[in-house]
Amino acid sequence: MPAGPVQVSLLEGELGLARRIEPRTELGLGGTALLLADFARFYGNVRASAVIWGSLAADADTELHVAIEALRYQTVISSIADEYLGLGHVSFGATRVLARDGAMSWGAGTRAVLPTAIGLHANEHPLALDLIGLLEWQSHPAVRVHAHAGALGSIGVGGGVAAPRGAIGVGLGAAWRPLGWLALVLDAGASFGRTAALDHLALVPALRLGLGEVGFELGAMFPVAGRERALAAAVLRVTWAPARPDPI
């Protein structure tokens, strides 16, 4: 069963996306999508990607993880249309359990996003990093609460303008597991300072299934306020992990 915050993001390379705290070794395949529309300015942006995810439990408290956007399709609808098909972003990082106290765990995570989508950016390529504090609480045998807060930054490398950006992100959510193989998740998240005082405030529901060593997550993000113009982002993940008792 997938665990922790829903793994869907508006940013490139899953920048600023919080993860579960407890380490796990797993391999995942799936896809992501984003739909952005600004009808008043006759602008649209549609993105779909095939992604490979992997993680390694280096020890009882440390997880290393990587995400490879193996194939990315993006089309821009405006007065000047554009399309891209090719390799997307590659990100890697780690999470670490810092403390455990009964039903509560604290941790931290970081992620770097590499400028691997060479044909996507004309003159500058984004290099980004985040640092996030994580909290999980087993409030009930069938309910697990998760929260996070952190900072992220990016800068353009290459011949163009560096255009450094930074933001603060926070999130709160819970997973309810009414059946051993089924969990329902609802998260809320917000970002501040990257494009405006409030980049976005979003609701993030998801459906999770755990069938033996195979887990499924189908989630979506719906911004309800803020400057970012995305209508929705979505993720479908199918993961395999060695059998072990996992939290929801």
C-alpha atoms as a PDB file:
ATOM      1  CA  MET A   1       0.000   0.000   0.000  1.00  0.00           C
ATOM      2  CA  PRO A   2       1.418   3.422  -0.903  1.00  0.00           C
ATOM      3  CA  ALA A   3       1.936   5.655   2.143  1.00  0.00           C
ATOM      4  CA  GLY A   4       2.367   9.307   3.085  1.00  0.00           C
ATOM      5  CA  PRO A   5       1.269  12.345   1.055  1.00  0.00           C
ATOM      6  CA  VAL A   6      -0.276  11.819  -2.385  1.00  0.00           C
ATOM      7  CA  GLN A   7       2.519  11.826  -4.969  1.00  0.00           C
ATOM      8  CA  VAL A   8       1.253  14.466  -7.388  1.00  0.00           C
ATOM      9  CA  SER A   9       2.894  17.843  -7.989  1.00  0.00           C
ATOM     10  CA  LEU A  10       2.514  20.963 -10.125  1.00  0.00           C
ATOM     11  CA  LEU A  11       6.269  21.542 -10.344  1.00  0.00           C
ATOM     12  CA  GLU A  12       8.914  20.009 -12.579  1.00  0.00           C
ATOM     13  CA  GLY A  13      10.666  16.883 -11.345  1.00  0.00           C
ATOM     14  CA  GLU A  14       8.313  16.587  -8.326  1.00  0.00           C
ATOM     15  CA  LEU A  15      10.108  19.535  -6.709  1.00  0.00           C
ATOM     16  CA  GLY A  16       8.704  20.293  -3.259  1.00  0.00           C
ATOM     17  CA  LEU A  17       6.747  17.022  -3.140  1.00  0.00           C
ATOM     18  CA  ALA A  18       6.748  15.503   0.356  1.00  0.00           C
ATOM     19  CA  ARG A  19       7.226  11.757   0.757  1.00  0.00           C
ATOM     20  CA  ARG A  20       6.483   9.141   3.395  1.00  0.00           C
ATOM     21  CA  ILE A  21       8.852   8.959   6.347  1.00  0.00           C
ATOM     22  CA  GLU A  22       9.392   5.229   6.846  1.00  0.00           C
ATOM     23  CA  PRO A  23      12.013   3.779   4.421  1.00  0.00           C
ATOM     24  CA  ARG A  24      10.954   1.258   1.807  1.00  0.00           C
ATOM     25  CA  THR A  25      12.581  -0.458  -1.150  1.00  0.00           C
ATOM     26  CA  GLU A  26      10.298  -0.393  -4.177  1.00  0.00           C
ATOM     27  CA  LEU A  27      10.095   0.059  -7.934  1.00  0.00           C
ATOM     28  CA  GLY A  28       7.294   1.935  -9.638  1.00  0.00           C
ATOM     29  CA  LEU A  29       5.952   2.752 -13.098  1.00  0.00           C
ATOM     30  CA  GLY A  30       3.186   5.071 -14.134  1.00  0.00           C
ATOM     31  CA  GLY A  31       2.270   8.417 -15.541  1.00  0.00           C
ATOM     32  CA  THR A  32       1.593  12.026 -14.659  1.00  0.00           C
ATOM     33  CA  ALA A  33      -0.460  14.699 -16.378  1.00  0.00           C
ATOM     34  CA  LEU A  34      -1.094  18.420 -16.024  1.00  0.00           C
ATOM     35  CA  LEU A  35      -3.705  20.670 -17.618  1.00  0.00           C
ATOM     36  CA  LEU A  36      -3.255  24.433 -17.484  1.00  0.00           C
ATOM     37  CA  ALA A  37      -5.673  26.893 -19.062  1.00  0.00           C
ATOM     38  CA  ASP A  38      -6.046  30.661 -19.156  1.00  0.00           C
ATOM     39  CA  PHE A  39      -9.096  31.311 -21.288  1.00  0.00           C
ATOM     40  CA  ALA A  40      -8.899  35.092 -20.959  1.00  0.00           C
ATOM     41  CA  ARG A  41      -5.420  35.115 -22.523  1.00  0.00           C
ATOM     42  CA  PHE A  42      -6.087  32.239 -24.937  1.00  0.00           C
ATOM     43  CA  TYR A  43      -3.343  30.114 -23.392  1.00  0.00           C
ATOM     44  CA  GLY A  44      -3.214  26.408 -22.606  1.00  0.00           C
ATOM     45  CA  ASN A  45      -0.535  23.932 -21.612  1.00  0.00           C
ATOM     46  CA  VAL A  46      -1.024  20.160 -21.639  1.00  0.00           C
ATOM     47  CA  ARG A  47       1.641  17.812 -20.299  1.00  0.00           C
ATOM     48  CA  ALA A  48       1.799  14.011 -20.010  1.00  0.00           C
ATOM     49  CA  SER A  49       4.736  11.904 -18.873  1.00  0.00           C
ATOM     50  CA  ALA A  50       5.731   8.287 -18.393  1.00  0.00           C
ATOM     51  CA  VAL A  51       7.744   8.047 -15.179  1.00  0.00           C
ATOM     52  CA  ILE A  52       9.927   5.426 -13.512  1.00  0.00           C
ATOM     53  CA  TRP A  53      10.219   5.648  -9.724  1.00  0.00           C
ATOM     54  CA  GLY A  54      12.532   3.755  -7.418  1.00  0.00           C
ATOM     55  CA  SER A  55      13.601   3.814  -3.788  1.00  0.00           C
ATOM     56  CA  LEU A  56      16.076   1.957  -1.591  1.00  0.00           C
ATOM     57  CA  ALA A  57      15.847   1.519   2.170  1.00  0.00           C
ATOM     58  CA  ALA A  58      19.517   2.078   2.977  1.00  0.00           C
ATOM     59  CA  ASP A  59      18.861   1.311   6.665  1.00  0.00           C
ATOM     60  CA  ALA A  60      15.980   1.368   9.148  1.00  0.00           C
ATOM     61  CA  ASP A  61      15.864   5.189   9.086  1.00  0.00           C
ATOM     62  CA  THR A  62      17.125   6.236   5.639  1.00  0.00           C
ATOM     63  CA  GLU A  63      15.604   6.014   2.166  1.00  0.00           C
ATOM     64  CA  LEU A  64      17.197   7.003  -1.149  1.00  0.00           C
ATOM     65  CA  HIS A  65      14.863   7.672  -4.072  1.00  0.00           C
ATOM     66  CA  VAL A  66      14.928   8.607  -7.755  1.00  0.00           C
ATOM     67  CA  ALA A  67      12.335   9.585 -10.374  1.00  0.00           C
ATOM     68  CA  ILE A  68      13.013   9.533 -14.124  1.00  0.00           C
ATOM     69  CA  GLU A  69      10.601  11.215 -16.542  1.00  0.00           C
ATOM     70  CA  ALA A  70      11.489   8.757 -19.279  1.00  0.00           C
ATOM     71  CA  LEU A  71       9.127  10.207 -21.892  1.00  0.00           C
ATOM     72  CA  ARG A  72       7.446  13.596 -21.796  1.00  0.00           C
ATOM     73  CA  TYR A  73       4.925  15.128 -24.191  1.00  0.00           C
ATOM     74  CA  GLN A  74       3.986  18.773 -23.854  1.00  0.00           C
ATOM     75  CA  THR A  75       2.002  21.078 -26.088  1.00  0.00           C
ATOM     76  CA  VAL A  76       1.401  24.796 -25.673  1.00  0.00           C
ATOM     77  CA  ILE A  77      -1.764  26.299 -27.136  1.00  0.00           C
ATOM     78  CA  SER A  78      -1.408  30.032 -27.764  1.00  0.00           C
ATOM     79  CA  SER A  79      -0.844  32.500 -30.581  1.00  0.00           C
ATOM     80  CA  ILE A  80       2.535  30.755 -31.012  1.00  0.00           C
ATOM     81  CA  ALA A  81       2.044  27.001 -30.538  1.00  0.00           C
ATOM     82  CA  ASP A  82       4.850  24.657 -29.544  1.00  0.00           C
ATOM     83  CA  GLU A  83       5.318  20.937 -28.843  1.00  0.00           C
ATOM     84  CA  TYR A  84       7.948  18.790 -27.139  1.00  0.00           C
ATOM     85  CA  LEU A  85       8.480  15.026 -27.050  1.00  0.00           C
ATOM     86  CA  GLY A  86      11.501  13.529 -25.334  1.00  0.00           C
ATOM     87  CA  LEU A  87      13.289  12.986 -22.044  1.00  0.00           C
ATOM     88  CA  GLY A  88      11.930  14.966 -19.131  1.00  0.00           C
ATOM     89  CA  HIS A  89      13.381  15.762 -15.725  1.00  0.00           C
ATOM     90  CA  VAL A  90      15.360  13.471 -13.444  1.00  0.00           C
ATOM     91  CA  SER A  91      15.239  13.944  -9.688  1.00  0.00           C
ATOM     92  CA  PHE A  92      16.862  12.154  -6.781  1.00  0.00           C
ATOM     93  CA  GLY A  93      16.935  12.598  -3.043  1.00  0.00           C
ATOM     94  CA  ALA A  94      16.682  11.055   0.396  1.00  0.00           C
ATOM     95  CA  THR A  95      14.475  10.967   3.485  1.00  0.00           C
ATOM     96  CA  ARG A  96      15.584  10.327   7.051  1.00  0.00           C
ATOM     97  CA  VAL A  97      13.651   9.414  10.196  1.00  0.00           C
ATOM     98  CA  LEU A  98      14.818  11.808  12.904  1.00  0.00           C
ATOM     99  CA  ALA A  99      12.701  10.618  15.841  1.00  0.00           C
ATOM    100  CA  ARG A 100       9.932   8.189  16.774  1.00  0.00           C
ATOM    101  CA  ASP A 101       7.629   8.508  19.772  1.00  0.00           C
ATOM    102  CA  GLY A 102       4.961   5.850  19.936  1.00  0.00           C
ATOM    103  CA  ALA A 103       2.473   6.510  17.142  1.00  0.00           C
ATOM    104  CA  MET A 104       4.305   9.627  15.916  1.00  0.00           C
ATOM    105  CA  SER A 105       7.342   9.943  13.623  1.00  0.00           C
ATOM    106  CA  TRP A 106       9.372  13.007  12.574  1.00  0.00           C
ATOM    107  CA  GLY A 107      11.707  13.157   9.614  1.00  0.00           C
ATOM    108  CA  ALA A 108      13.241  15.277   6.881  1.00  0.00           C
ATOM    109  CA  GLY A 109      13.669  14.916   3.148  1.00  0.00           C
ATOM    110  CA  THR A 110      15.490  16.585   0.293  1.00  0.00           C
ATOM    111  CA  ARG A 111      15.322  16.332  -3.489  1.00  0.00           C
ATOM    112  CA  ALA A 112      17.430  17.684  -6.366  1.00  0.00           C
ATOM    113  CA  VAL A 113      16.024  18.163  -9.880  1.00  0.00           C
ATOM    114  CA  LEU A 114      18.546  17.952 -12.707  1.00  0.00           C
ATOM    115  CA  PRO A 115      18.308  19.918 -16.011  1.00  0.00           C
ATOM    116  CA  THR A 116      17.957  16.820 -18.209  1.00  0.00           C
ATOM    117  CA  ALA A 117      15.062  17.989 -20.429  1.00  0.00           C
ATOM    118  CA  ILE A 118      17.524  19.587 -22.848  1.00  0.00           C
ATOM    119  CA  GLY A 119      15.146  20.175 -25.757  1.00  0.00           C
ATOM    120  CA  LEU A 120      12.382  21.562 -23.569  1.00  0.00           C
ATOM    121  CA  HIS A 121      14.144  24.778 -22.513  1.00  0.00           C
ATOM    122  CA  ALA A 122      15.654  27.007 -25.180  1.00  0.00           C
ATOM    123  CA  ASN A 123      18.268  29.080 -23.327  1.00  0.00           C
ATOM    124  CA  GLU A 124      18.241  28.081 -19.677  1.00  0.00           C
ATOM    125  CA  HIS A 125      17.772  24.793 -17.865  1.00  0.00           C
ATOM    126  CA  PRO A 126      16.358  24.668 -14.316  1.00  0.00           C
ATOM    127  CA  LEU A 127      18.425  23.201 -11.486  1.00  0.00           C
ATOM    128  CA  ALA A 128      16.389  22.904  -8.290  1.00  0.00           C
ATOM    129  CA  LEU A 129      16.580  21.700  -4.680  1.00  0.00           C
ATOM    130  CA  ASP A 130      14.157  21.368  -1.774  1.00  0.00           C
ATOM    131  CA  LEU A 131      14.345  20.613   1.955  1.00  0.00           C
ATOM    132  CA  ILE A 132      11.199  19.443   3.744  1.00  0.00           C
ATOM    133  CA  GLY A 133      10.288  18.532   7.314  1.00  0.00           C
ATOM    134  CA  LEU A 134       7.920  15.553   7.665  1.00  0.00           C
ATOM    135  CA  LEU A 135       5.486  14.354  10.329  1.00  0.00           C
ATOM    136  CA  GLU A 136       3.326  11.219  10.508  1.00  0.00           C
ATOM    137  CA  TRP A 137       0.885  10.193  13.247  1.00  0.00           C
ATOM    138  CA  GLN A 138      -1.061   6.934  13.525  1.00  0.00           C
ATOM    139  CA  SER A 139      -4.048   8.608  15.177  1.00  0.00           C
ATOM    140  CA  HIS A 140      -6.254   5.486  14.884  1.00  0.00           C
ATOM    141  CA  PRO A 141      -5.608   1.895  13.699  1.00  0.00           C
ATOM    142  CA  ALA A 142      -7.297   2.801  10.395  1.00  0.00           C
ATOM    143  CA  VAL A 143      -6.229   6.471  10.117  1.00  0.00           C
ATOM    144  CA  ARG A 144      -2.757   7.898   9.551  1.00  0.00           C
ATOM    145  CA  VAL A 145      -2.190  11.670   9.490  1.00  0.00           C
ATOM    146  CA  HIS A 146       0.732  13.267   7.639  1.00  0.00           C
ATOM    147  CA  ALA A 147       2.012  16.837   7.471  1.00  0.00           C
ATOM    148  CA  HIS A 148       4.970  18.671   5.998  1.00  0.00           C
ATOM    149  CA  ALA A 149       6.577  22.087   5.678  1.00  0.00           C
ATOM    150  CA  GLY A 150       9.661  23.119   3.745  1.00  0.00           C
ATOM    151  CA  ALA A 151      11.448  25.358   1.298  1.00  0.00           C
ATOM    152  CA  LEU A 152      12.469  24.990  -2.332  1.00  0.00           C
ATOM    153  CA  GLY A 153      14.581  26.919  -4.766  1.00  0.00           C
ATOM    154  CA  SER A 154      15.531  26.820  -8.446  1.00  0.00           C
ATOM    155  CA  ILE A 155      17.942  28.609 -10.748  1.00  0.00           C
ATOM    156  CA  GLY A 156      18.475  28.545 -14.501  1.00  0.00           C
ATOM    157  CA  VAL A 157      21.810  27.283 -15.790  1.00  0.00           C
ATOM    158  CA  GLY A 158      23.090  27.821 -19.325  1.00  0.00           C
ATOM    159  CA  GLY A 159      23.197  30.828 -21.595  1.00  0.00           C
ATOM    160  CA  GLY A 160      19.934  32.441 -20.530  1.00  0.00           C
ATOM    161  CA  VAL A 161      18.813  34.446 -17.513  1.00  0.00           C
ATOM    162  CA  ALA A 162      19.455  32.689 -14.185  1.00  0.00           C
ATOM    163  CA  ALA A 163      15.997  33.714 -12.836  1.00  0.00           C
ATOM    164  CA  PRO A 164      16.333  32.324  -9.294  1.00  0.00           C
ATOM    165  CA  ARG A 165      13.083  31.437  -7.550  1.00  0.00           C
ATOM    166  CA  GLY A 166      12.146  30.221  -4.085  1.00  0.00           C
ATOM    167  CA  ALA A 167       9.020  29.165  -2.245  1.00  0.00           C
ATOM    168  CA  ILE A 168       7.660  27.854   1.027  1.00  0.00           C
ATOM    169  CA  GLY A 169       5.353  24.830   0.893  1.00  0.00           C
ATOM    170  CA  VAL A 170       3.077  23.301   3.543  1.00  0.00           C
ATOM    171  CA  GLY A 171       0.664  20.382   3.540  1.00  0.00           C
ATOM    172  CA  LEU A 172      -1.681  18.391   5.758  1.00  0.00           C
ATOM    173  CA  GLY A 173      -3.613  15.222   5.038  1.00  0.00           C
ATOM    174  CA  ALA A 174      -4.833  11.842   6.208  1.00  0.00           C
ATOM    175  CA  ALA A 175      -5.265   8.331   4.859  1.00  0.00           C
ATOM    176  CA  TRP A 176      -8.237   6.231   5.967  1.00  0.00           C
ATOM    177  CA  ARG A 177      -7.931   2.493   5.460  1.00  0.00           C
ATOM    178  CA  PRO A 178     -11.416   0.955   5.826  1.00  0.00           C
ATOM    179  CA  LEU A 179     -10.226  -2.353   4.340  1.00  0.00           C
ATOM    180  CA  GLY A 180      -6.855  -4.054   4.405  1.00  0.00           C
ATOM    181  CA  TRP A 181      -6.422  -3.555   0.652  1.00  0.00           C
ATOM    182  CA  LEU A 182      -8.078  -0.128   0.263  1.00  0.00           C
ATOM    183  CA  ALA A 183      -7.218   3.375   1.471  1.00  0.00           C
ATOM    184  CA  LEU A 184      -8.766   6.772   0.751  1.00  0.00           C
ATOM    185  CA  VAL A 185      -6.579   9.863   1.068  1.00  0.00           C
ATOM    186  CA  LEU A 186      -7.342  13.572   1.225  1.00  0.00           C
ATOM    187  CA  ASP A 187      -4.549  16.151   1.388  1.00  0.00           C
ATOM    188  CA  ALA A 188      -4.500  19.940   1.311  1.00  0.00           C
ATOM    189  CA  GLY A 189      -1.391  21.844   0.289  1.00  0.00           C
ATOM    190  CA  ALA A 190      -0.225  25.378  -0.354  1.00  0.00           C
ATOM    191  CA  SER A 191       2.805  27.159  -1.803  1.00  0.00           C
ATOM    192  CA  PHE A 192       3.897  30.720  -1.093  1.00  0.00           C
ATOM    193  CA  GLY A 193       6.364  33.065  -2.781  1.00  0.00           C
ATOM    194  CA  ARG A 194       7.387  31.379  -6.031  1.00  0.00           C
ATOM    195  CA  THR A 195       5.136  33.352  -8.399  1.00  0.00           C
ATOM    196  CA  ALA A 196       3.026  35.364  -5.936  1.00  0.00           C
ATOM    197  CA  ALA A 197       2.245  35.726  -2.249  1.00  0.00           C
ATOM    198  CA  LEU A 198       0.009  32.656  -2.716  1.00  0.00           C
ATOM    199  CA  ASP A 199       1.120  30.406  -5.556  1.00  0.00           C
ATOM    200  CA  HIS A 200      -1.679  27.926  -4.968  1.00  0.00           C
ATOM    201  CA  LEU A 201      -3.977  26.351  -2.422  1.00  0.00           C
ATOM    202  CA  ALA A 202      -5.005  22.889  -3.574  1.00  0.00           C
ATOM    203  CA  LEU A 203      -7.035  19.839  -2.593  1.00  0.00           C
ATOM    204  CA  VAL A 204      -5.455  16.467  -3.366  1.00  0.00           C
ATOM    205  CA  PRO A 205      -7.647  13.323  -3.159  1.00  0.00           C
ATOM    206  CA  ALA A 206      -6.409   9.826  -3.965  1.00  0.00           C
ATOM    207  CA  LEU A 207      -7.422   6.182  -4.073  1.00  0.00           C
ATOM    208  CA  ARG A 208      -4.889   3.542  -2.986  1.00  0.00           C
ATOM    209  CA  LEU A 209      -4.909  -0.225  -3.343  1.00  0.00           C
ATOM    210  CA  GLY A 210      -2.545  -2.804  -1.891  1.00  0.00           C
ATOM    211  CA  LEU A 211      -2.668  -6.251  -3.509  1.00  0.00           C
ATOM    212  CA  GLY A 212       0.113  -8.410  -2.127  1.00  0.00           C
ATOM    213  CA  GLU A 213       3.439  -6.870  -3.096  1.00  0.00           C
ATOM    214  CA  VAL A 214       1.822  -4.538  -5.671  1.00  0.00           C
ATOM    215  CA  GLY A 215       0.425  -1.135  -4.781  1.00  0.00           C
ATOM    216  CA  PHE A 216      -1.644   1.336  -6.802  1.00  0.00           C
ATOM    217  CA  GLU A 217      -2.189   5.056  -6.325  1.00  0.00           C
ATOM    218  CA  LEU A 218      -4.528   7.203  -8.408  1.00  0.00           C
ATOM    219  CA  GLY A 219      -4.452  10.829  -7.300  1.00  0.00           C
ATOM    220  CA  ALA A 220      -5.237  14.321  -8.536  1.00  0.00           C
ATOM    221  CA  MET A 221      -4.502  17.893  -7.476  1.00  0.00           C
ATOM    222  CA  PHE A 222      -7.088  20.646  -7.884  1.00  0.00           C
ATOM    223  CA  PRO A 223      -5.886  24.225  -7.188  1.00  0.00           C
ATOM    224  CA  VAL A 224      -8.729  26.244  -5.686  1.00  0.00           C
ATOM    225  CA  ALA A 225      -6.946  29.569  -5.093  1.00  0.00           C
ATOM    226  CA  GLY A 226      -3.714  31.343  -5.975  1.00  0.00           C
ATOM    227  CA  ARG A 227      -1.890  32.732  -8.981  1.00  0.00           C
ATOM    228  CA  GLU A 228      -0.984  29.426 -10.651  1.00  0.00           C
ATOM    229  CA  ARG A 229      -3.385  28.701 -13.467  1.00  0.00           C
ATOM    230  CA  ALA A 230      -3.334  24.890 -13.532  1.00  0.00           C
ATOM    231  CA  LEU A 231      -6.785  23.315 -13.671  1.00  0.00           C
ATOM    232  CA  ALA A 232      -5.574  19.929 -12.426  1.00  0.00           C
ATOM    233  CA  ALA A 233      -2.620  17.578 -12.169  1.00  0.00           C
ATOM    234  CA  ALA A 234      -2.881  13.800 -11.862  1.00  0.00           C
ATOM    235  CA  VAL A 235      -0.764  10.741 -11.171  1.00  0.00           C
ATOM    236  CA  LEU A 236      -1.132   6.986 -11.603  1.00  0.00           C
ATOM    237  CA  ARG A 237       1.515   4.863  -9.893  1.00  0.00           C
ATOM    238  CA  VAL A 238       1.930   1.102  -9.843  1.00  0.00           C
ATOM    239  CA  THR A 239       4.622  -0.004  -7.406  1.00  0.00           C
ATOM    240  CA  TRP A 240       6.222  -3.278  -6.381  1.00  0.00           C
ATOM    241  CA  ALA A 241       7.815  -3.733  -2.982  1.00  0.00           C
ATOM    242  CA  PRO A 242       8.967  -6.827  -1.058  1.00  0.00           C
ATOM    243  CA  ALA A 243       6.193  -8.046   1.250  1.00  0.00           C
ATOM    244  CA  ARG A 244       6.238  -6.395   4.672  1.00  0.00           C
ATOM    245  CA  PRO A 245       3.661  -4.842   7.035  1.00  0.00           C
ATOM    246  CA  ASP A 246       3.375  -1.211   5.899  1.00  0.00           C
ATOM    247  CA  PRO A 247       1.514   1.756   7.364  1.00  0.00           C
ATOM    248  CA  ILE A 248      -1.263   3.280   5.288  1.00  0.00           C
END
